[in-house]
């Protein structure tokens, strides 16, 4: 019995086992990434649904139309608009974070960036941003301020 030959066979078998293990781990990692992205998308969708329902329950749309038409709105209505707009900004900040972390795909980010740009052009946005910006990440504040400069 040649122990060197047996050792060489063992090394080859071990190398094959390592390659198979690495391929399996790569497959698992891809599946985990897909699952993580799907969970993040689902969470964003749920958050948007909840904000939409909350807005409907509190009449945010009609309050905003009143304000934009020049009608007087109460302090309580103004605060509801602020809360809604700040929640929307928090959503956009989360999207920005997920984008920088590589979790959000190009299409989702483009759609949300378009919505963010529209927000920066809306009446009262600067006030909401100024009141709430202390809690935003620096990179998101830079993005907002760049979009606000472009809108003016």
N, C-alpha and C. Protein backbone atom coordinates (compact mmCIF):
# COMPACT_ATOMS: atom_id res chain seq x y z
N UNK A 1 0.84 -1.17 0.00
CA UNK A 1 0.00 0.00 0.00
C UNK A 1 0.90 1.25 0.00
N UNK A 2 0.64 2.16 -0.94
CA UNK A 2 1.44 3.37 -1.07
C UNK A 2 0.74 4.53 -0.35
N UNK A 3 1.26 4.92 0.81
CA UNK A 3 0.64 5.96 1.64
C UNK A 3 0.69 7.32 0.95
N UNK A 4 1.66 7.56 0.15
CA UNK A 4 1.74 8.83 -0.58
C UNK A 4 0.59 8.95 -1.58
N UNK A 5 0.28 7.85 -2.27
CA UNK A 5 -0.83 7.86 -3.24
C UNK A 5 -2.15 8.07 -2.52
N UNK A 6 -2.31 7.39 -1.37
CA UNK A 6 -3.54 7.55 -0.59
C UNK A 6 -3.66 8.99 -0.08
N UNK A 7 -2.55 9.56 0.36
CA UNK A 7 -2.54 10.96 0.82
C UNK A 7 -2.91 11.92 -0.29
N UNK A 8 -2.39 11.67 -1.50
CA UNK A 8 -2.70 12.53 -2.65
C UNK A 8 -4.18 12.44 -3.00
N UNK A 9 -4.72 11.21 -2.96
CA UNK A 9 -6.16 11.03 -3.23
C UNK A 9 -6.98 11.79 -2.19
N UNK A 10 -6.55 11.72 -0.94
CA UNK A 10 -7.24 12.43 0.14
C UNK A 10 -7.21 13.94 -0.06
N UNK A 11 -6.07 14.45 -0.52
CA UNK A 11 -5.98 15.90 -0.77
C UNK A 11 -6.91 16.32 -1.90
N UNK A 12 -6.95 15.53 -2.97
CA UNK A 12 -7.86 15.84 -4.09
C UNK A 12 -9.31 15.78 -3.62
N UNK A 13 -9.67 14.74 -2.86
CA UNK A 13 -11.04 14.61 -2.36
C UNK A 13 -11.38 15.79 -1.45
N UNK A 14 -10.44 16.20 -0.62
CA UNK A 14 -10.66 17.35 0.27
C UNK A 14 -10.86 18.63 -0.52
N UNK A 15 -10.06 18.82 -1.57
CA UNK A 15 -10.19 20.02 -2.40
C UNK A 15 -11.55 20.04 -3.10
N UNK A 16 -11.98 18.89 -3.59
CA UNK A 16 -13.30 18.80 -4.24
C UNK A 16 -14.39 19.12 -3.23
N UNK A 17 -14.26 18.61 -2.01
CA UNK A 17 -15.26 18.89 -0.96
C UNK A 17 -15.30 20.38 -0.63
N UNK A 18 -14.15 21.04 -0.60
CA UNK A 18 -14.10 22.49 -0.33
C UNK A 18 -14.80 23.26 -1.45
N UNK A 19 -14.54 22.90 -2.69
CA UNK A 19 -15.17 23.57 -3.83
C UNK A 19 -16.69 23.38 -3.77
N UNK A 20 -17.13 22.18 -3.52
CA UNK A 20 -18.58 21.91 -3.42
C UNK A 20 -19.19 22.74 -2.29
N UNK A 21 -18.52 22.79 -1.15
CA UNK A 21 -19.01 23.58 -0.02
C UNK A 21 -19.11 25.06 -0.38
N UNK A 22 -18.09 25.59 -1.04
CA UNK A 22 -18.11 27.00 -1.44
C UNK A 22 -19.24 27.29 -2.43
N UNK A 23 -19.46 26.40 -3.37
CA UNK A 23 -20.57 26.57 -4.32
C UNK A 23 -21.91 26.57 -3.58
N UNK A 24 -22.06 25.66 -2.64
CA UNK A 24 -23.29 25.60 -1.85
C UNK A 24 -23.49 26.88 -1.05
N UNK A 25 -22.43 27.37 -0.43
CA UNK A 25 -22.52 28.60 0.36
C UNK A 25 -22.85 29.81 -0.52
N UNK A 26 -22.28 29.86 -1.71
CA UNK A 26 -22.58 30.95 -2.64
C UNK A 26 -24.06 30.92 -3.03
N UNK A 27 -24.59 29.73 -3.27
CA UNK A 27 -26.01 29.59 -3.61
C UNK A 27 -26.88 30.04 -2.44
N UNK A 28 -26.53 29.64 -1.25
CA UNK A 28 -27.29 30.03 -0.05
C UNK A 28 -27.24 31.54 0.16
N UNK A 29 -26.09 32.14 -0.09
CA UNK A 29 -25.95 33.58 0.07
C UNK A 29 -26.83 34.33 -0.92
N UNK A 30 -26.86 33.87 -2.17
CA UNK A 30 -27.74 34.50 -3.18
C UNK A 30 -29.20 34.40 -2.76
N UNK A 31 -29.61 33.23 -2.29
CA UNK A 31 -30.99 33.06 -1.86
C UNK A 31 -31.31 33.92 -0.65
N UNK A 32 -30.37 34.03 0.27
CA UNK A 32 -30.58 34.86 1.45
C UNK A 32 -30.70 36.34 1.05
N UNK A 33 -29.88 36.78 0.09
CA UNK A 33 -29.95 38.15 -0.39
C UNK A 33 -31.31 38.44 -1.01
N UNK A 34 -31.80 37.50 -1.82
CA UNK A 34 -33.14 37.66 -2.42
C UNK A 34 -34.20 37.75 -1.34
N UNK A 35 -34.10 36.91 -0.35
CA UNK A 35 -35.07 36.91 0.74
C UNK A 35 -35.01 38.21 1.53
N UNK A 36 -33.82 38.71 1.80
CA UNK A 36 -33.66 39.98 2.51
C UNK A 36 -34.24 41.12 1.70
N UNK A 37 -33.97 41.16 0.41
CA UNK A 37 -34.52 42.22 -0.45
C UNK A 37 -36.04 42.15 -0.50
N UNK A 38 -36.59 40.94 -0.58
CA UNK A 38 -38.05 40.78 -0.60
C UNK A 38 -38.65 41.26 0.72
N UNK A 39 -38.03 40.94 1.83
CA UNK A 39 -38.53 41.38 3.14
C UNK A 39 -38.47 42.89 3.26
N UNK A 40 -37.38 43.50 2.78
CA UNK A 40 -37.26 44.96 2.82
C UNK A 40 -38.34 45.61 1.95
N UNK A 41 -38.58 45.05 0.77
CA UNK A 41 -39.62 45.59 -0.11
C UNK A 41 -41.00 45.47 0.54
N UNK A 42 -41.26 44.34 1.14
CA UNK A 42 -42.54 44.13 1.82
C UNK A 42 -42.72 45.13 2.96
N UNK A 43 -41.68 45.37 3.72
CA UNK A 43 -41.75 46.33 4.82
C UNK A 43 -42.01 47.74 4.30
N UNK A 44 -41.35 48.12 3.21
CA UNK A 44 -41.59 49.44 2.62
C UNK A 44 -43.03 49.56 2.15
N UNK A 45 -43.54 48.52 1.53
CA UNK A 45 -44.92 48.53 1.05
C UNK A 45 -45.88 48.67 2.22
N UNK A 46 -45.66 47.89 3.27
CA UNK A 46 -46.52 47.99 4.45
C UNK A 46 -46.47 49.38 5.07
N UNK A 47 -45.29 49.95 5.14
CA UNK A 47 -45.14 51.29 5.71
C UNK A 47 -45.91 52.31 4.86
N UNK A 48 -45.82 52.19 3.54
CA UNK A 48 -46.55 53.10 2.66
C UNK A 48 -48.06 52.94 2.81
N UNK A 49 -48.50 51.70 2.93
CA UNK A 49 -49.93 51.45 3.13
C UNK A 49 -50.40 52.08 4.44
N UNK A 50 -49.63 51.89 5.50
CA UNK A 50 -50.01 52.45 6.80
C UNK A 50 -50.05 53.98 6.76
N UNK A 51 -49.08 54.59 6.09
CA UNK A 51 -49.08 56.05 5.98
C UNK A 51 -50.28 56.53 5.17
N UNK A 52 -50.60 55.80 4.12
CA UNK A 52 -51.76 56.16 3.30
C UNK A 52 -53.05 56.04 4.11
N UNK A 53 -53.20 54.94 4.84
CA UNK A 53 -54.40 54.77 5.67
C UNK A 53 -54.48 55.84 6.76
N UNK A 54 -53.36 56.12 7.40
CA UNK A 54 -53.33 57.16 8.43
C UNK A 54 -53.73 58.50 7.83
N UNK A 55 -53.19 58.80 6.64
CA UNK A 55 -53.51 60.06 5.98
C UNK A 55 -55.00 60.16 5.68
N UNK A 56 -55.57 59.06 5.19
CA UNK A 56 -57.00 59.04 4.89
C UNK A 56 -57.84 59.20 6.15
N UNK A 57 -57.46 58.51 7.22
CA UNK A 57 -58.19 58.60 8.48
C UNK A 57 -58.16 60.00 9.07
N UNK A 58 -57.10 60.74 8.81
CA UNK A 58 -56.96 62.07 9.39
C UNK A 58 -57.24 63.21 8.40
N UNK A 59 -57.70 62.86 7.21
CA UNK A 59 -58.09 63.88 6.23
C UNK A 59 -56.93 64.72 5.71
N UNK A 60 -55.75 64.13 5.63
CA UNK A 60 -54.57 64.88 5.21
C UNK A 60 -54.75 65.47 3.81
N UNK A 61 -55.33 64.70 2.91
CA UNK A 61 -55.53 65.20 1.54
C UNK A 61 -56.38 66.44 1.49
N UNK A 62 -57.51 66.44 2.20
CA UNK A 62 -58.38 67.62 2.17
C UNK A 62 -57.74 68.81 2.89
N UNK A 63 -56.99 68.54 3.95
CA UNK A 63 -56.28 69.62 4.64
C UNK A 63 -55.23 70.24 3.71
N UNK A 64 -54.50 69.38 3.00
CA UNK A 64 -53.47 69.89 2.08
C UNK A 64 -54.11 70.71 0.96
N UNK A 65 -55.24 70.24 0.42
CA UNK A 65 -55.92 71.01 -0.63
C UNK A 65 -56.36 72.36 -0.11
N UNK A 66 -56.89 72.40 1.11
CA UNK A 66 -57.28 73.68 1.72
C UNK A 66 -56.08 74.62 1.82
N UNK A 67 -54.98 74.11 2.34
CA UNK A 67 -53.78 74.93 2.53
C UNK A 67 -53.25 75.43 1.20
N UNK A 68 -53.23 74.55 0.19
CA UNK A 68 -52.70 74.94 -1.11
C UNK A 68 -53.60 75.91 -1.85
N UNK A 69 -54.89 75.92 -1.53
CA UNK A 69 -55.81 76.86 -2.18
C UNK A 69 -55.84 78.21 -1.46
N UNK A 70 -55.09 78.31 -0.37
CA UNK A 70 -55.01 79.58 0.34
C UNK A 70 -55.97 79.69 1.50
N UNK A 71 -56.80 78.67 1.71
CA UNK A 71 -57.71 78.71 2.86
C UNK A 71 -56.91 78.60 4.16
N UNK A 72 -57.46 79.17 5.20
CA UNK A 72 -56.82 79.09 6.51
C UNK A 72 -57.00 77.68 7.08
N UNK A 73 -55.94 77.13 7.65
CA UNK A 73 -56.05 75.85 8.34
C UNK A 73 -55.64 76.06 9.80
N UNK A 74 -56.18 75.22 10.64
CA UNK A 74 -55.91 75.35 12.07
C UNK A 74 -54.50 74.87 12.41
N UNK A 75 -54.07 75.19 13.62
CA UNK A 75 -52.76 74.71 14.08
C UNK A 75 -52.74 73.18 14.13
N UNK A 76 -53.85 72.58 14.53
CA UNK A 76 -53.92 71.11 14.60
C UNK A 76 -53.80 70.51 13.20
N UNK A 77 -54.45 71.13 12.21
CA UNK A 77 -54.34 70.65 10.84
C UNK A 77 -52.92 70.84 10.31
N UNK A 78 -52.31 71.97 10.64
CA UNK A 78 -50.93 72.22 10.22
C UNK A 78 -49.99 71.17 10.81
N UNK A 79 -50.24 70.79 12.06
CA UNK A 79 -49.41 69.78 12.70
C UNK A 79 -49.62 68.40 12.07
N UNK A 80 -50.85 68.10 11.67
CA UNK A 80 -51.09 66.83 10.95
C UNK A 80 -50.31 66.79 9.64
N UNK A 81 -50.33 67.89 8.90
CA UNK A 81 -49.56 67.94 7.66
C UNK A 81 -48.06 67.75 7.94
N UNK A 82 -47.59 68.40 9.00
CA UNK A 82 -46.18 68.25 9.36
C UNK A 82 -45.86 66.79 9.68
N UNK A 83 -46.68 66.16 10.49
CA UNK A 83 -46.44 64.76 10.86
C UNK A 83 -46.43 63.86 9.63
N UNK A 84 -47.38 64.08 8.74
CA UNK A 84 -47.44 63.29 7.51
C UNK A 84 -46.19 63.50 6.68
N UNK A 85 -45.81 64.75 6.47
CA UNK A 85 -44.66 65.04 5.63
C UNK A 85 -43.36 64.55 6.26
N UNK A 86 -43.25 64.64 7.57
CA UNK A 86 -42.05 64.14 8.23
C UNK A 86 -41.98 62.61 8.12
N UNK A 87 -43.12 61.95 8.26
CA UNK A 87 -43.14 60.49 8.09
C UNK A 87 -42.72 60.11 6.67
N UNK A 88 -43.19 60.87 5.69
CA UNK A 88 -42.79 60.61 4.31
C UNK A 88 -41.28 60.82 4.13
N UNK A 89 -40.75 61.86 4.75
CA UNK A 89 -39.30 62.08 4.67
C UNK A 89 -38.52 60.96 5.34
N UNK A 90 -39.03 60.45 6.45
CA UNK A 90 -38.37 59.31 7.11
C UNK A 90 -38.36 58.10 6.18
N UNK A 91 -39.45 57.92 5.46
CA UNK A 91 -39.50 56.82 4.47
C UNK A 91 -38.41 57.02 3.41
N UNK A 92 -38.31 58.23 2.88
CA UNK A 92 -37.31 58.49 1.85
C UNK A 92 -35.89 58.32 2.41
N UNK A 93 -35.69 58.72 3.67
CA UNK A 93 -34.38 58.53 4.27
C UNK A 93 -34.05 57.03 4.37
N UNK A 94 -35.03 56.24 4.76
CA UNK A 94 -34.81 54.80 4.84
C UNK A 94 -34.47 54.24 3.46
N UNK A 95 -35.17 54.71 2.44
CA UNK A 95 -34.88 54.27 1.07
C UNK A 95 -33.46 54.65 0.69
N UNK A 96 -33.04 55.86 1.05
CA UNK A 96 -31.69 56.31 0.75
C UNK A 96 -30.67 55.43 1.47
N UNK A 97 -30.92 55.11 2.72
CA UNK A 97 -30.02 54.23 3.46
C UNK A 97 -29.94 52.85 2.80
N UNK A 98 -31.12 52.30 2.46
CA UNK A 98 -31.13 50.98 1.81
C UNK A 98 -30.40 51.01 0.48
N UNK A 99 -30.50 52.13 -0.22
CA UNK A 99 -29.80 52.27 -1.50
C UNK A 99 -28.29 52.27 -1.27
N UNK A 100 -27.83 53.04 -0.29
CA UNK A 100 -26.39 53.09 -0.03
C UNK A 100 -25.87 51.76 0.51
N UNK A 101 -26.75 50.99 1.15
CA UNK A 101 -26.36 49.67 1.66
C UNK A 101 -26.46 48.59 0.59
N UNK A 102 -26.97 48.94 -0.60
CA UNK A 102 -27.07 47.99 -1.69
C UNK A 102 -28.27 47.06 -1.60
N UNK A 103 -29.27 47.43 -0.79
CA UNK A 103 -30.45 46.58 -0.61
C UNK A 103 -31.53 46.90 -1.62
N UNK A 104 -31.63 48.15 -2.02
CA UNK A 104 -32.70 48.59 -2.92
C UNK A 104 -32.22 48.58 -4.36
N UNK A 105 -33.05 48.04 -5.24
CA UNK A 105 -32.70 47.96 -6.66
C UNK A 105 -32.85 49.32 -7.34
N UNK A 106 -32.32 49.44 -8.54
CA UNK A 106 -32.31 50.70 -9.28
C UNK A 106 -33.71 51.24 -9.54
N UNK A 107 -34.65 50.38 -9.95
CA UNK A 107 -36.01 50.83 -10.25
C UNK A 107 -36.71 51.40 -9.03
N UNK A 108 -36.58 50.71 -7.91
CA UNK A 108 -37.22 51.17 -6.68
C UNK A 108 -36.62 52.50 -6.24
N UNK A 109 -35.30 52.60 -6.31
CA UNK A 109 -34.66 53.85 -5.90
C UNK A 109 -35.06 54.99 -6.84
N UNK A 110 -35.09 54.75 -8.15
CA UNK A 110 -35.46 55.80 -9.11
C UNK A 110 -36.87 56.31 -8.84
N UNK A 111 -37.79 55.40 -8.57
CA UNK A 111 -39.17 55.81 -8.29
C UNK A 111 -39.25 56.64 -7.01
N UNK A 112 -38.53 56.22 -5.98
CA UNK A 112 -38.56 56.96 -4.73
C UNK A 112 -37.82 58.29 -4.83
N UNK A 113 -36.74 58.33 -5.58
CA UNK A 113 -36.03 59.59 -5.78
C UNK A 113 -36.91 60.58 -6.52
N UNK A 114 -37.68 60.10 -7.48
CA UNK A 114 -38.62 60.95 -8.20
C UNK A 114 -39.65 61.53 -7.23
N UNK A 115 -40.17 60.69 -6.35
CA UNK A 115 -41.12 61.17 -5.35
C UNK A 115 -40.50 62.17 -4.40
N UNK A 116 -39.26 61.94 -4.03
CA UNK A 116 -38.55 62.86 -3.14
C UNK A 116 -38.34 64.21 -3.82
N UNK A 117 -37.95 64.18 -5.08
CA UNK A 117 -37.76 65.43 -5.82
C UNK A 117 -39.07 66.21 -5.89
N UNK A 118 -40.18 65.51 -6.13
CA UNK A 118 -41.49 66.19 -6.14
C UNK A 118 -41.77 66.82 -4.78
N UNK A 119 -41.45 66.11 -3.71
CA UNK A 119 -41.66 66.65 -2.36
C UNK A 119 -40.87 67.93 -2.15
N UNK A 120 -39.62 67.95 -2.61
CA UNK A 120 -38.79 69.13 -2.37
C UNK A 120 -39.36 70.37 -3.05
N UNK A 121 -40.19 70.16 -4.06
CA UNK A 121 -40.78 71.28 -4.80
C UNK A 121 -42.14 71.69 -4.24
N UNK A 122 -42.66 70.95 -3.28
CA UNK A 122 -44.01 71.23 -2.78
C UNK A 122 -44.00 72.35 -1.74
N UNK A 123 -45.13 73.00 -1.65
CA UNK A 123 -45.33 74.10 -0.71
C UNK A 123 -45.13 73.61 0.72
N UNK A 124 -44.34 74.32 1.47
CA UNK A 124 -44.13 73.99 2.88
C UNK A 124 -43.06 72.95 3.14
N UNK A 125 -42.47 72.41 2.08
CA UNK A 125 -41.48 71.36 2.29
C UNK A 125 -40.28 71.87 3.10
N UNK A 126 -39.78 73.04 2.75
CA UNK A 126 -38.58 73.56 3.42
C UNK A 126 -38.80 73.69 4.93
N UNK A 127 -40.00 74.11 5.31
CA UNK A 127 -40.31 74.25 6.74
C UNK A 127 -40.29 72.88 7.43
N UNK A 128 -40.92 71.90 6.80
CA UNK A 128 -40.93 70.54 7.37
C UNK A 128 -39.51 70.02 7.49
N UNK A 129 -38.74 70.21 6.44
CA UNK A 129 -37.36 69.73 6.44
C UNK A 129 -36.55 70.41 7.56
N UNK A 130 -36.67 71.71 7.66
CA UNK A 130 -35.91 72.44 8.69
C UNK A 130 -36.29 71.99 10.10
N UNK A 131 -37.58 71.76 10.33
CA UNK A 131 -38.01 71.31 11.66
C UNK A 131 -37.56 69.89 11.98
N UNK A 132 -37.46 69.04 10.97
CA UNK A 132 -37.19 67.63 11.23
C UNK A 132 -35.80 67.15 10.86
N UNK A 133 -34.97 68.00 10.27
CA UNK A 133 -33.70 67.54 9.70
C UNK A 133 -32.69 67.07 10.74
N UNK A 134 -32.84 67.47 11.98
CA UNK A 134 -31.87 67.09 13.00
C UNK A 134 -31.73 65.58 13.14
N UNK A 135 -32.77 64.83 12.79
CA UNK A 135 -32.72 63.38 12.95
C UNK A 135 -32.28 62.61 11.72
N UNK A 136 -31.96 63.32 10.64
CA UNK A 136 -31.58 62.64 9.40
C UNK A 136 -30.08 62.42 9.33
N UNK A 137 -29.69 61.38 8.63
CA UNK A 137 -28.28 61.11 8.39
C UNK A 137 -27.69 62.21 7.50
N UNK A 138 -26.41 62.50 7.68
CA UNK A 138 -25.76 63.57 6.92
C UNK A 138 -25.87 63.37 5.42
N UNK A 139 -25.65 62.16 4.96
CA UNK A 139 -25.70 61.92 3.51
C UNK A 139 -27.09 62.18 2.95
N UNK A 140 -28.14 61.90 3.74
CA UNK A 140 -29.49 62.18 3.28
C UNK A 140 -29.76 63.68 3.29
N UNK A 141 -29.29 64.38 4.31
CA UNK A 141 -29.45 65.84 4.34
C UNK A 141 -28.77 66.47 3.13
N UNK A 142 -27.59 65.98 2.77
CA UNK A 142 -26.89 66.50 1.60
C UNK A 142 -27.71 66.29 0.33
N UNK A 143 -28.32 65.11 0.20
CA UNK A 143 -29.16 64.82 -0.96
C UNK A 143 -30.36 65.76 -1.00
N UNK A 144 -31.03 65.93 0.13
CA UNK A 144 -32.21 66.82 0.19
C UNK A 144 -31.81 68.24 -0.20
N UNK A 145 -30.74 68.73 0.39
CA UNK A 145 -30.34 70.11 0.13
C UNK A 145 -29.93 70.31 -1.32
N UNK A 146 -29.31 69.29 -1.92
CA UNK A 146 -28.98 69.36 -3.34
C UNK A 146 -30.25 69.44 -4.17
N UNK A 147 -31.25 68.64 -3.85
CA UNK A 147 -32.50 68.63 -4.62
C UNK A 147 -33.27 69.93 -4.39
N UNK A 148 -33.19 70.49 -3.18
CA UNK A 148 -33.87 71.76 -2.91
C UNK A 148 -33.22 72.90 -3.71
N UNK A 149 -31.88 72.90 -3.78
CA UNK A 149 -31.18 73.92 -4.59
C UNK A 149 -31.58 73.79 -6.06
N UNK A 150 -31.66 72.57 -6.54
CA UNK A 150 -32.03 72.35 -7.94
C UNK A 150 -33.45 72.79 -8.23
N UNK A 151 -34.33 72.70 -7.22
CA UNK A 151 -35.73 73.07 -7.40
C UNK A 151 -35.94 74.58 -7.39
N UNK A 152 -34.98 75.30 -6.81
CA UNK A 152 -35.18 76.76 -6.73
C UNK A 152 -34.57 77.51 -7.89
